[in-house]
C-alpha atoms as a PDB file:
ATOM      1  CA  UNK A   1      99.769 151.101 105.826  1.00  0.00           C
ATOM      2  CA  UNK A   2      99.156 148.651 102.978  1.00  0.00           C
ATOM      3  CA  UNK A   3     101.840 150.367 100.879  1.00  0.00           C
ATOM      4  CA  UNK A   4     104.359 149.996 103.723  1.00  0.00           C
ATOM      5  CA  UNK A   5     103.718 146.268 103.721  1.00  0.00           C
ATOM      6  CA  UNK A   6     104.033 145.906  99.957  1.00  0.00           C
ATOM      7  CA  UNK A   7     107.255 147.903  99.483  1.00  0.00           C
ATOM      8  CA  UNK A   8     109.547 145.542 101.463  1.00  0.00           C
ATOM      9  CA  UNK A   9     108.241 142.591  99.444  1.00  0.00           C
ATOM     10  CA  UNK A  10     108.942 144.358  96.159  1.00  0.00           C
ATOM     11  CA  UNK A  11     112.444 145.309  97.315  1.00  0.00           C
ATOM     12  CA  UNK A  12     113.163 141.750  98.430  1.00  0.00           C
ATOM     13  CA  UNK A  13     112.059 140.332  95.103  1.00  0.00           C
ATOM     14  CA  UNK A  14     114.297 142.831  93.334  1.00  0.00           C
ATOM     15  CA  UNK A  15     117.287 141.713  95.371  1.00  0.00           C
ATOM     16  CA  UNK A  16     116.610 138.012  95.019  1.00  0.00           C
ATOM     17  CA  UNK A  17     116.209 137.895  91.279  1.00  0.00           C
ATOM     18  CA  UNK A  18     119.424 137.517  89.330  1.00  0.00           C
ATOM     19  CA  UNK A  19     117.682 138.284  86.032  1.00  0.00           C
ATOM     20  CA  UNK A  20     117.559 142.029  86.576  1.00  0.00           C
ATOM     21  CA  UNK A  21     115.343 144.069  84.293  1.00  0.00           C
ATOM     22  CA  UNK A  22     117.198 147.359  84.485  1.00  0.00           C
ATOM     23  CA  UNK A  23     118.888 147.013  81.122  1.00  0.00           C
ATOM     24  CA  UNK A  24     115.926 145.841  79.061  1.00  0.00           C
ATOM     25  CA  UNK A  25     115.651 147.402  75.638  1.00  0.00           C
ATOM     26  CA  UNK A  26     112.070 148.555  75.194  1.00  0.00           C
ATOM     27  CA  UNK A  27     111.992 149.100  71.451  1.00  0.00           C
ATOM     28  CA  UNK A  28     108.762 149.853  69.612  1.00  0.00           C
ATOM     29  CA  UNK A  29     106.439 146.850  69.763  1.00  0.00           C
ATOM     30  CA  UNK A  30     105.972 146.816  65.984  1.00  0.00           C
ATOM     31  CA  UNK A  31     109.675 145.933  65.665  1.00  0.00           C
ATOM     32  CA  UNK A  32     109.731 142.989  68.072  1.00  0.00           C
ATOM     33  CA  UNK A  33     110.266 140.685  65.084  1.00  0.00           C
ATOM     34  CA  UNK A  34     113.728 142.087  64.428  1.00  0.00           C
ATOM     35  CA  UNK A  35     114.644 139.573  61.756  1.00  0.00           C
ATOM     36  CA  UNK A  36     111.345 139.408  59.895  1.00  0.00           C
ATOM     37  CA  UNK A  37     110.774 135.786  60.876  1.00  0.00           C
ATOM     38  CA  UNK A  38     107.336 134.450  61.651  1.00  0.00           C
ATOM     39  CA  UNK A  39     105.586 131.323  62.872  1.00  0.00           C
ATOM     40  CA  UNK A  40     105.528 129.439  59.588  1.00  0.00           C
ATOM     41  CA  UNK A  41     105.687 125.646  59.862  1.00  0.00           C
ATOM     42  CA  UNK A  42     106.915 123.958  56.686  1.00  0.00           C
ATOM     43  CA  UNK A  43     106.881 120.345  57.913  1.00  0.00           C
ATOM     44  CA  UNK A  44     104.069 118.143  56.608  1.00  0.00           C
ATOM     45  CA  UNK A  45     101.278 117.028  58.915  1.00  0.00           C
ATOM     46  CA  UNK A  46     101.702 113.643  60.538  1.00  0.00           C
ATOM     47  CA  UNK A  47     100.192 111.765  63.435  1.00  0.00           C
ATOM     48  CA  UNK A  48     101.991 112.567  66.723  1.00  0.00           C
ATOM     49  CA  UNK A  49     104.638 110.035  67.762  1.00  0.00           C
ATOM     50  CA  UNK A  50     106.569 109.722  71.019  1.00  0.00           C
ATOM     51  CA  UNK A  51     109.848 111.579  71.556  1.00  0.00           C
ATOM     52  CA  UNK A  52     112.229 112.867  74.223  1.00  0.00           C
ATOM     53  CA  UNK A  53     113.359 116.493  74.277  1.00  0.00           C
ATOM     54  CA  UNK A  54     116.356 117.953  76.120  1.00  0.00           C
ATOM     55  CA  UNK A  55     115.674 121.254  77.923  1.00  0.00           C
ATOM     56  CA  UNK A  56     117.880 123.834  79.636  1.00  0.00           C
ATOM     57  CA  UNK A  57     117.505 127.447  80.703  1.00  0.00           C
ATOM     58  CA  UNK A  58     119.562 130.406  81.891  1.00  0.00           C
ATOM     59  CA  UNK A  59     123.098 129.414  80.922  1.00  0.00           C
ATOM     60  CA  UNK A  60     124.352 132.957  81.584  1.00  0.00           C
ATOM     61  CA  UNK A  61     127.724 132.191  80.000  1.00  0.00           C
ATOM     62  CA  UNK A  62     130.540 134.179  81.720  1.00  0.00           C
ATOM     63  CA  UNK A  63     128.395 135.117  84.710  1.00  0.00           C
ATOM     64  CA  UNK A  64     130.762 136.130  87.509  1.00  0.00           C
ATOM     65  CA  UNK A  65     128.488 136.931  90.462  1.00  0.00           C
ATOM     66  CA  UNK A  66     129.471 135.615  93.873  1.00  0.00           C
ATOM     67  CA  UNK A  67     128.952 131.894  94.276  1.00  0.00           C
ATOM     68  CA  UNK A  68     128.223 131.126  90.598  1.00  0.00           C
ATOM     69  CA  UNK A  69     129.683 127.890  89.261  1.00  0.00           C
ATOM     70  CA  UNK A  70     129.229 125.642  86.238  1.00  0.00           C
ATOM     71  CA  UNK A  71     129.265 121.885  85.708  1.00  0.00           C
ATOM     72  CA  UNK A  72     129.340 121.847  81.922  1.00  0.00           C
ATOM     73  CA  UNK A  73     131.820 118.967  81.735  1.00  0.00           C
ATOM     74  CA  UNK A  74     129.563 116.825  83.939  1.00  0.00           C
ATOM     75  CA  UNK A  75     126.624 117.720  81.691  1.00  0.00           C
ATOM     76  CA  UNK A  76     128.382 116.600  78.512  1.00  0.00           C
ATOM     77  CA  UNK A  77     129.618 113.389  80.124  1.00  0.00           C
ATOM     78  CA  UNK A  78     126.007 112.664  81.048  1.00  0.00           C
ATOM     79  CA  UNK A  79     124.877 113.419  77.456  1.00  0.00           C
ATOM     80  CA  UNK A  80     127.414 111.000  76.028  1.00  0.00           C
ATOM     81  CA  UNK A  81     126.404 108.242  78.433  1.00  0.00           C
ATOM     82  CA  UNK A  82     122.709 108.844  77.812  1.00  0.00           C
ATOM     83  CA  UNK A  83     123.069 108.740  74.022  1.00  0.00           C
ATOM     84  CA  UNK A  84     125.093 105.549  74.267  1.00  0.00           C
ATOM     85  CA  UNK A  85     122.382 103.905  76.359  1.00  0.00           C
ATOM     86  CA  UNK A  86     119.564 105.215  74.152  1.00  0.00           C
ATOM     87  CA  UNK A  87     120.854 104.902  70.597  1.00  0.00           C
ATOM     88  CA  UNK A  88     118.911 105.689  67.423  1.00  0.00           C
ATOM     89  CA  UNK A  89     117.252 102.271  67.484  1.00  0.00           C
ATOM     90  CA  UNK A  90     115.372 103.502  70.560  1.00  0.00           C
ATOM     91  CA  UNK A  91     113.929 106.443  68.686  1.00  0.00           C
ATOM     92  CA  UNK A  92     111.459 107.721  71.274  1.00  0.00           C
ATOM     93  CA  UNK A  93     114.163 107.983  73.961  1.00  0.00           C
ATOM     94  CA  UNK A  94     117.137 109.023  71.817  1.00  0.00           C
ATOM     95  CA  UNK A  95     117.915 112.751  71.931  1.00  0.00           C
ATOM     96  CA  UNK A  96     118.012 114.650  68.643  1.00  0.00           C
ATOM     97  CA  UNK A  97     116.653 118.053  69.714  1.00  0.00           C
ATOM     98  CA  UNK A  98     117.385 120.510  72.522  1.00  0.00           C
ATOM     99  CA  UNK A  99     115.686 123.809  73.309  1.00  0.00           C
ATOM    100  CA  UNK A 100     117.141 126.295  75.770  1.00  0.00           C
ATOM    101  CA  UNK A 101     114.885 128.908  77.303  1.00  0.00           C
ATOM    102  CA  UNK A 102     116.827 132.157  77.192  1.00  0.00           C
ATOM    103  CA  UNK A 103     119.565 134.113  78.941  1.00  0.00           C
ATOM    104  CA  UNK A 104     122.227 132.178  77.104  1.00  0.00           C
ATOM    105  CA  UNK A 105     124.516 135.160  77.813  1.00  0.00           C
ATOM    106  CA  UNK A 106     125.140 137.342  80.830  1.00  0.00           C
ATOM    107  CA  UNK A 107     125.761 140.669  79.111  1.00  0.00           C
ATOM    108  CA  UNK A 108     125.003 140.055  75.408  1.00  0.00           C
ATOM    109  CA  UNK A 109     128.733 140.133  74.671  1.00  0.00           C
ATOM    110  CA  UNK A 110     129.974 138.649  71.406  1.00  0.00           C
ATOM    111  CA  UNK A 111     132.303 136.250  73.212  1.00  0.00           C
ATOM    112  CA  UNK A 112     129.337 134.979  75.227  1.00  0.00           C
ATOM    113  CA  UNK A 113     127.357 134.276  72.076  1.00  0.00           C
ATOM    114  CA  UNK A 114     130.440 132.481  70.731  1.00  0.00           C
ATOM    115  CA  UNK A 115     130.555 130.391  73.923  1.00  0.00           C
ATOM    116  CA  UNK A 116     126.972 129.350  73.286  1.00  0.00           C
ATOM    117  CA  UNK A 117     127.863 128.521  69.684  1.00  0.00           C
ATOM    118  CA  UNK A 118     130.650 126.239  70.950  1.00  0.00           C
ATOM    119  CA  UNK A 119     128.141 124.648  73.314  1.00  0.00           C
ATOM    120  CA  UNK A 120     125.803 124.020  70.353  1.00  0.00           C
ATOM    121  CA  UNK A 121     128.618 122.429  68.369  1.00  0.00           C
ATOM    122  CA  UNK A 122     129.361 119.981  71.195  1.00  0.00           C
ATOM    123  CA  UNK A 123     125.716 118.962  71.282  1.00  0.00           C
ATOM    124  CA  UNK A 124     125.658 118.648  67.497  1.00  0.00           C
ATOM    125  CA  UNK A 125     128.496 116.115  67.727  1.00  0.00           C
ATOM    126  CA  UNK A 126     126.208 114.054  69.955  1.00  0.00           C
ATOM    127  CA  UNK A 127     123.467 114.200  67.300  1.00  0.00           C
ATOM    128  CA  UNK A 128     121.475 116.941  69.045  1.00  0.00           C
ATOM    129  CA  UNK A 129     120.261 120.038  67.190  1.00  0.00           C
ATOM    130  CA  UNK A 130     119.924 123.072  69.490  1.00  0.00           C
ATOM    131  CA  UNK A 131     117.392 125.897  69.369  1.00  0.00           C
ATOM    132  CA  UNK A 132     117.098 128.861  71.724  1.00  0.00           C
ATOM    133  CA  UNK A 133     114.707 131.641  72.682  1.00  0.00           C
ATOM    134  CA  UNK A 134     115.826 135.114  73.730  1.00  0.00           C
ATOM    135  CA  UNK A 135     116.075 136.183  77.352  1.00  0.00           C
ATOM    136  CA  UNK A 136     116.398 139.641  78.869  1.00  0.00           C
ATOM    137  CA  UNK A 137     120.166 139.212  79.325  1.00  0.00           C
ATOM    138  CA  UNK A 138     120.478 138.529  75.590  1.00  0.00           C
ATOM    139  CA  UNK A 139     119.318 142.007  74.529  1.00  0.00           C
ATOM    140  CA  UNK A 140     121.560 144.353  76.518  1.00  0.00           C
ATOM    141  CA  UNK A 141     121.764 147.889  75.093  1.00  0.00           C
ATOM    142  CA  UNK A 142     124.983 149.186  73.535  1.00  0.00           C
ATOM    143  CA  UNK A 143     125.934 145.709  72.322  1.00  0.00           C
ATOM    144  CA  UNK A 144     125.888 143.920  68.972  1.00  0.00           C
ATOM    145  CA  UNK A 145     123.267 141.475  70.226  1.00  0.00           C
ATOM    146  CA  UNK A 146     120.944 141.562  67.197  1.00  0.00           C
ATOM    147  CA  UNK A 147     123.679 140.623  64.732  1.00  0.00           C
ATOM    148  CA  UNK A 148     125.348 138.220  67.167  1.00  0.00           C
ATOM    149  CA  UNK A 149     122.092 136.372  67.787  1.00  0.00           C
ATOM    150  CA  UNK A 150     121.591 135.895  64.037  1.00  0.00           C
ATOM    151  CA  UNK A 151     125.187 134.786  63.573  1.00  0.00           C
ATOM    152  CA  UNK A 152     125.575 132.424  66.504  1.00  0.00           C
ATOM    153  CA  UNK A 153     122.035 131.363  67.447  1.00  0.00           C
ATOM    154  CA  UNK A 154     119.378 131.755  64.740  1.00  0.00           C
ATOM    155  CA  UNK A 155     115.990 133.387  64.401  1.00  0.00           C
ATOM    156  CA  UNK A 156     114.449 135.691  66.960  1.00  0.00           C
ATOM    157  CA  UNK A 157     111.283 133.611  67.096  1.00  0.00           C
ATOM    158  CA  UNK A 158     110.065 130.685  65.071  1.00  0.00           C
ATOM    159  CA  UNK A 159     107.891 127.607  64.836  1.00  0.00           C
ATOM    160  CA  UNK A 160     108.520 124.045  63.719  1.00  0.00           C
ATOM    161  CA  UNK A 161     106.882 120.642  63.806  1.00  0.00           C
ATOM    162  CA  UNK A 162     108.628 117.736  65.529  1.00  0.00           C
ATOM    163  CA  UNK A 163     107.121 114.252  65.205  1.00  0.00           C
ATOM    164  CA  UNK A 164     103.630 115.593  64.772  1.00  0.00           C
ATOM    165  CA  UNK A 165     103.828 118.211  67.549  1.00  0.00           C
ATOM    166  CA  UNK A 166     104.184 121.955  66.884  1.00  0.00           C
ATOM    167  CA  UNK A 167     106.867 123.893  68.747  1.00  0.00           C
ATOM    168  CA  UNK A 168     106.372 127.665  69.095  1.00  0.00           C
ATOM    169  CA  UNK A 169     109.549 129.481  70.183  1.00  0.00           C
ATOM    170  CA  UNK A 170     108.594 132.919  71.496  1.00  0.00           C
ATOM    171  CA  UNK A 171     110.639 136.085  71.938  1.00  0.00           C
ATOM    172  CA  UNK A 172     109.662 137.425  75.376  1.00  0.00           C
ATOM    173  CA  UNK A 173     112.977 139.119  76.188  1.00  0.00           C
ATOM    174  CA  UNK A 174     111.173 142.409  76.827  1.00  0.00           C
ATOM    175  CA  UNK A 175     108.547 140.738  79.036  1.00  0.00           C
ATOM    176  CA  UNK A 176     106.081 141.011  76.174  1.00  0.00           C
ATOM    177  CA  UNK A 177     105.494 139.482  72.770  1.00  0.00           C
ATOM    178  CA  UNK A 178     104.350 142.808  71.369  1.00  0.00           C
ATOM    179  CA  UNK A 179     101.490 143.307  68.929  1.00  0.00           C
ATOM    180  CA  UNK A 180     103.279 142.020  65.826  1.00  0.00           C
ATOM    181  CA  UNK A 181     104.476 138.775  67.334  1.00  0.00           C
ATOM    182  CA  UNK A 182     101.170 138.219  69.157  1.00  0.00           C
ATOM    183  CA  UNK A 183      99.212 138.715  65.932  1.00  0.00           C
ATOM    184  CA  UNK A 184     101.469 136.333  63.995  1.00  0.00           C
ATOM    185  CA  UNK A 185     101.254 133.765  66.782  1.00  0.00           C
ATOM    186  CA  UNK A 186      97.457 133.904  66.878  1.00  0.00           C
ATOM    187  CA  UNK A 187      97.168 133.574  63.096  1.00  0.00           C
ATOM    188  CA  UNK A 188      99.507 130.583  63.036  1.00  0.00           C
ATOM    189  CA  UNK A 189      98.086 128.748  66.042  1.00  0.00           C
ATOM    190  CA  UNK A 190      94.470 129.040  64.922  1.00  0.00           C
ATOM    191  CA  UNK A 191      95.349 127.432  61.569  1.00  0.00           C
ATOM    192  CA  UNK A 192      97.465 124.674  63.142  1.00  0.00           C
ATOM    193  CA  UNK A 193      95.651 121.439  64.019  1.00  0.00           C
ATOM    194  CA  UNK A 194      98.641 119.799  65.715  1.00  0.00           C
ATOM    195  CA  UNK A 195      99.089 119.547  69.495  1.00  0.00           C
ATOM    196  CA  UNK A 196     101.436 122.326  70.628  1.00  0.00           C
ATOM    197  CA  UNK A 197     104.222 123.184  73.059  1.00  0.00           C
ATOM    198  CA  UNK A 198     105.259 126.815  73.652  1.00  0.00           C
ATOM    199  CA  UNK A 199     108.793 127.839  74.653  1.00  0.00           C
ATOM    200  CA  UNK A 200     109.586 131.181  76.294  1.00  0.00           C
ATOM    201  CA  UNK A 201     112.079 132.832  78.609  1.00  0.00           C
ATOM    202  CA  UNK A 202     109.568 134.822  80.644  1.00  0.00           C
ATOM    203  CA  UNK A 203     106.918 132.738  82.458  1.00  0.00           C
ATOM    204  CA  UNK A 204     103.290 133.099  81.504  1.00  0.00           C
ATOM    205  CA  UNK A 205     101.788 132.971  84.988  1.00  0.00           C
ATOM    206  CA  UNK A 206     103.396 130.344  87.247  1.00  0.00           C
ATOM    207  CA  UNK A 207     101.502 131.293  90.394  1.00  0.00           C
ATOM    208  CA  UNK A 208     100.290 134.449  92.151  1.00  0.00           C
ATOM    209  CA  UNK A 209     103.589 134.645  94.062  1.00  0.00           C
ATOM    210  CA  UNK A 210     105.607 134.999  90.825  1.00  0.00           C
ATOM    211  CA  UNK A 211     103.965 138.208  89.624  1.00  0.00           C
ATOM    212  CA  UNK A 212     107.355 139.993  89.379  1.00  0.00           C
ATOM    213  CA  UNK A 213     108.793 137.341  87.052  1.00  0.00           C
ATOM    214  CA  UNK A 214     106.002 136.914  84.495  1.00  0.00           C
ATOM    215  CA  UNK A 215     104.817 138.625  81.306  1.00  0.00           C
ATOM    216  CA  UNK A 216     103.945 142.210  82.167  1.00  0.00           C
ATOM    217  CA  UNK A 217     100.765 142.603  80.091  1.00  0.00           C
ATOM    218  CA  UNK A 218      97.804 140.888  81.759  1.00  0.00           C
ATOM    219  CA  UNK A 219      95.704 140.979  78.591  1.00  0.00           C
ATOM    220  CA  UNK A 220      98.514 139.424  76.595  1.00  0.00           C
ATOM    221  CA  UNK A 221      98.762 136.612  79.144  1.00  0.00           C
ATOM    222  CA  UNK A 222      95.018 136.009  78.897  1.00  0.00           C
ATOM    223  CA  UNK A 223      95.238 135.920  75.098  1.00  0.00           C
ATOM    224  CA  UNK A 224      98.009 133.317  75.153  1.00  0.00           C
ATOM    225  CA  UNK A 225      96.188 131.171  77.682  1.00  0.00           C
ATOM    226  CA  UNK A 226      93.030 131.361  75.569  1.00  0.00           C
ATOM    227  CA  UNK A 227      94.983 130.356  72.456  1.00  0.00           C
ATOM    228  CA  UNK A 228      96.456 127.378  74.268  1.00  0.00           C
ATOM    229  CA  UNK A 229      93.217 126.172  75.812  1.00  0.00           C
ATOM    230  CA  UNK A 230      91.241 126.358  72.549  1.00  0.00           C
ATOM    231  CA  UNK A 231      93.961 125.074  70.171  1.00  0.00           C
ATOM    232  CA  UNK A 232      95.498 121.962  71.755  1.00  0.00           C
ATOM    233  CA  UNK A 233      98.117 123.914  73.676  1.00  0.00           C
ATOM    234  CA  UNK A 234      99.595 121.196  75.862  1.00  0.00           C
ATOM    235  CA  UNK A 235     102.370 123.033  77.679  1.00  0.00           C
ATOM    236  CA  UNK A 236     104.067 126.410  78.119  1.00  0.00           C
ATOM    237  CA  UNK A 237     107.731 126.105  79.141  1.00  0.00           C
ATOM    238  CA  UNK A 238     109.714 129.025  80.593  1.00  0.00           C
ATOM    239  CA  UNK A 239     112.843 129.953  82.560  1.00  0.00           C
ATOM    240  CA  UNK A 240     113.943 133.278  84.122  1.00  0.00           C
ATOM    241  CA  UNK A 241     113.014 132.253  87.674  1.00  0.00           C
ATOM    242  CA  UNK A 242     116.282 130.555  88.608  1.00  0.00           C
ATOM    243  CA  UNK A 243     114.845 128.423  91.399  1.00  0.00           C
ATOM    244  CA  UNK A 244     112.443 126.907  88.889  1.00  0.00           C
ATOM    245  CA  UNK A 245     110.526 123.632  89.194  1.00  0.00           C
ATOM    246  CA  UNK A 246     107.204 125.478  89.235  1.00  0.00           C
ATOM    247  CA  UNK A 247     104.148 123.735  87.794  1.00  0.00           C
ATOM    248  CA  UNK A 248     100.806 125.422  87.191  1.00  0.00           C
ATOM    249  CA  UNK A 249      97.745 124.082  85.356  1.00  0.00           C
ATOM    250  CA  UNK A 250      95.277 126.261  83.457  1.00  0.00           C
ATOM    251  CA  UNK A 251      93.060 123.240  82.873  1.00  0.00           C
ATOM    252  CA  UNK A 252      93.553 119.461  83.048  1.00  0.00           C
ATOM    253  CA  UNK A 253      95.331 119.232  79.683  1.00  0.00           C
ATOM    254  CA  UNK A 254      97.017 122.668  79.510  1.00  0.00           C
ATOM    255  CA  UNK A 255      99.881 123.484  81.891  1.00  0.00           C
ATOM    256  CA  UNK A 256     102.938 125.659  82.465  1.00  0.00           C
ATOM    257  CA  UNK A 257     106.289 124.501  83.806  1.00  0.00           C
ATOM    258  CA  UNK A 258     109.178 126.787  84.796  1.00  0.00           C
ATOM    259  CA  UNK A 259     112.697 125.358  84.586  1.00  0.00           C
ATOM    260  CA  UNK A 260     115.561 125.979  86.991  1.00  0.00           C
ATOM    261  CA  UNK A 261     118.914 127.363  85.917  1.00  0.00           C
ATOM    262  CA  UNK A 262     121.677 125.496  84.052  1.00  0.00           C
ATOM    263  CA  UNK A 263     124.393 126.915  86.302  1.00  0.00           C
ATOM    264  CA  UNK A 264     124.676 126.678  90.069  1.00  0.00           C
ATOM    265  CA  UNK A 265     125.035 129.401  92.670  1.00  0.00           C
ATOM    266  CA  UNK A 266     125.755 129.297  96.363  1.00  0.00           C
ATOM    267  CA  UNK A 267     125.308 132.753  97.818  1.00  0.00           C
ATOM    268  CA  UNK A 268     123.152 134.713 100.224  1.00  0.00           C
ATOM    269  CA  UNK A 269     120.964 135.894  97.348  1.00  0.00           C
ATOM    270  CA  UNK A 270     120.506 132.638  95.481  1.00  0.00           C
ATOM    271  CA  UNK A 271     121.074 128.947  96.090  1.00  0.00           C
ATOM    272  CA  UNK A 272     120.662 126.776  93.018  1.00  0.00           C
ATOM    273  CA  UNK A 273     122.287 123.674  91.617  1.00  0.00           C
ATOM    274  CA  UNK A 274     123.041 123.052  87.917  1.00  0.00           C
ATOM    275  CA  UNK A 275     120.034 121.448  86.237  1.00  0.00           C
ATOM    276  CA  UNK A 276     118.731 120.197  82.934  1.00  0.00           C
ATOM    277  CA  UNK A 277     115.549 118.374  82.039  1.00  0.00           C
ATOM    278  CA  UNK A 278     114.148 115.696  79.772  1.00  0.00           C
ATOM    279  CA  UNK A 279     110.621 116.049  78.437  1.00  0.00           C
ATOM    280  CA  UNK A 280     109.075 112.758  77.325  1.00  0.00           C
ATOM    281  CA  UNK A 281     106.030 113.052  75.085  1.00  0.00           C
ATOM    282  CA  UNK A 282     104.056 109.802  75.161  1.00  0.00           C
ATOM    283  CA  UNK A 283     101.768 109.812  72.129  1.00  0.00           C
ATOM    284  CA  UNK A 284     100.185 106.457  72.914  1.00  0.00           C
ATOM    285  CA  UNK A 285      99.067 107.511  76.406  1.00  0.00           C
ATOM    286  CA  UNK A 286      98.563 111.245  75.637  1.00  0.00           C
ATOM    287  CA  UNK A 287     100.874 112.477  78.379  1.00  0.00           C
ATOM    288  CA  UNK A 288     104.025 114.496  79.021  1.00  0.00           C
ATOM    289  CA  UNK A 289     106.563 113.606  81.701  1.00  0.00           C
ATOM    290  CA  UNK A 290     109.301 116.026  82.783  1.00  0.00           C
ATOM    291  CA  UNK A 291     112.351 114.681  84.615  1.00  0.00           C
ATOM    292  CA  UNK A 292     114.946 116.907  86.298  1.00  0.00           C
ATOM    293  CA  UNK A 293     118.655 116.044  86.410  1.00  0.00           C
ATOM    294  CA  UNK A 294     120.635 117.988  88.999  1.00  0.00           C
ATOM    295  CA  UNK A 295     124.349 118.036  89.829  1.00  0.00           C
ATOM    296  CA  UNK A 296     124.739 117.420  93.547  1.00  0.00           C
ATOM    297  CA  UNK A 297     127.836 117.468  95.773  1.00  0.00           C
ATOM    298  CA  UNK A 298     130.795 115.453  94.475  1.00  0.00           C
ATOM    299  CA  UNK A 299     129.319 115.889  90.941  1.00  0.00           C
ATOM    300  CA  UNK A 300     126.758 113.147  91.517  1.00  0.00           C
ATOM    301  CA  UNK A 301     123.665 113.555  89.370  1.00  0.00           C
ATOM    302  CA  UNK A 302     120.258 113.163  90.969  1.00  0.00           C
ATOM    303  CA  UNK A 303     117.151 112.333  88.970  1.00  0.00           C
ATOM    304  CA  UNK A 304     113.605 113.368  89.867  1.00  0.00           C
ATOM    305  CA  UNK A 305     110.316 113.217  87.987  1.00  0.00           C
ATOM    306  CA  UNK A 306     108.871 116.711  88.519  1.00  0.00           C
ATOM    307  CA  UNK A 307     105.715 116.578  86.383  1.00  0.00           C
ATOM    308  CA  UNK A 308     103.382 114.079  84.741  1.00  0.00           C
ATOM    309  CA  UNK A 309     100.721 115.798  82.654  1.00  0.00           C
ATOM    310  CA  UNK A 310      97.733 114.573  80.620  1.00  0.00           C
ATOM    311  CA  UNK A 311      97.487 116.310  77.246  1.00  0.00           C
ATOM    312  CA  UNK A 312      95.021 116.713  74.384  1.00  0.00           C
ATOM    313  CA  UNK A 313      96.018 115.283  70.987  1.00  0.00           C
END
């Protein structure tokens, strides 16, 4: 009887998710680091200072499912206006860095990676350097995705310091970090005294209702949470769940936030509006604020503060 109740829920979740897992490439976990990169931070230590970070997720360039639409022109018009109103003299509000949380492509096609490269170039002209993490749609089998990612995007996973805060960009495209990446992450984090933000495509936990969307290995999740809690892990950011806007706290100063999708869709299976986010790190008050910008009807942009989080510095 219990199984009869569970099966319809599983089937419904399978239908509702647009990030299907059927084409995942489960290569040997020792080869997760396909480009030999690791979490090495070369920037010198400095006291944390305030900054604003641009965030997006799930571009799915060239996605053609029913009801999918894009508002990329509206997004870039907003970027230009924002940068004009927050020039470099207002350093903590000016945008110079963007991180997108995976599924930049729909089918790992070369032309889709090129579309993302063009997108990066437009942001670069506005003074914004773009980084990305891999999503499950970015590793489709029988494609040239490994070479295309290196050519048009960058490293598979990496770490960097930005204004005294460490950024750890994870490769969770296979719903796991794998042993190699997990070991390298642990070694790096435990030696790193800076406050930290983690970026991933697949959510870490989110809530009990999101079990289908999160990292598949429960022990791996526990290890990451433990690393965050004991090493100034302020925030874990993820995408994949297109509805997004999910906030979950592991403790008062360690949280997870799941972003909504960059494109919109109006269909029976999924109703989303194009979104992007600004993360404001306030060093003076030890807090992070996340604000959502969403394209509404008639291309009007709504603004909503979706999270205000205390953090440990």
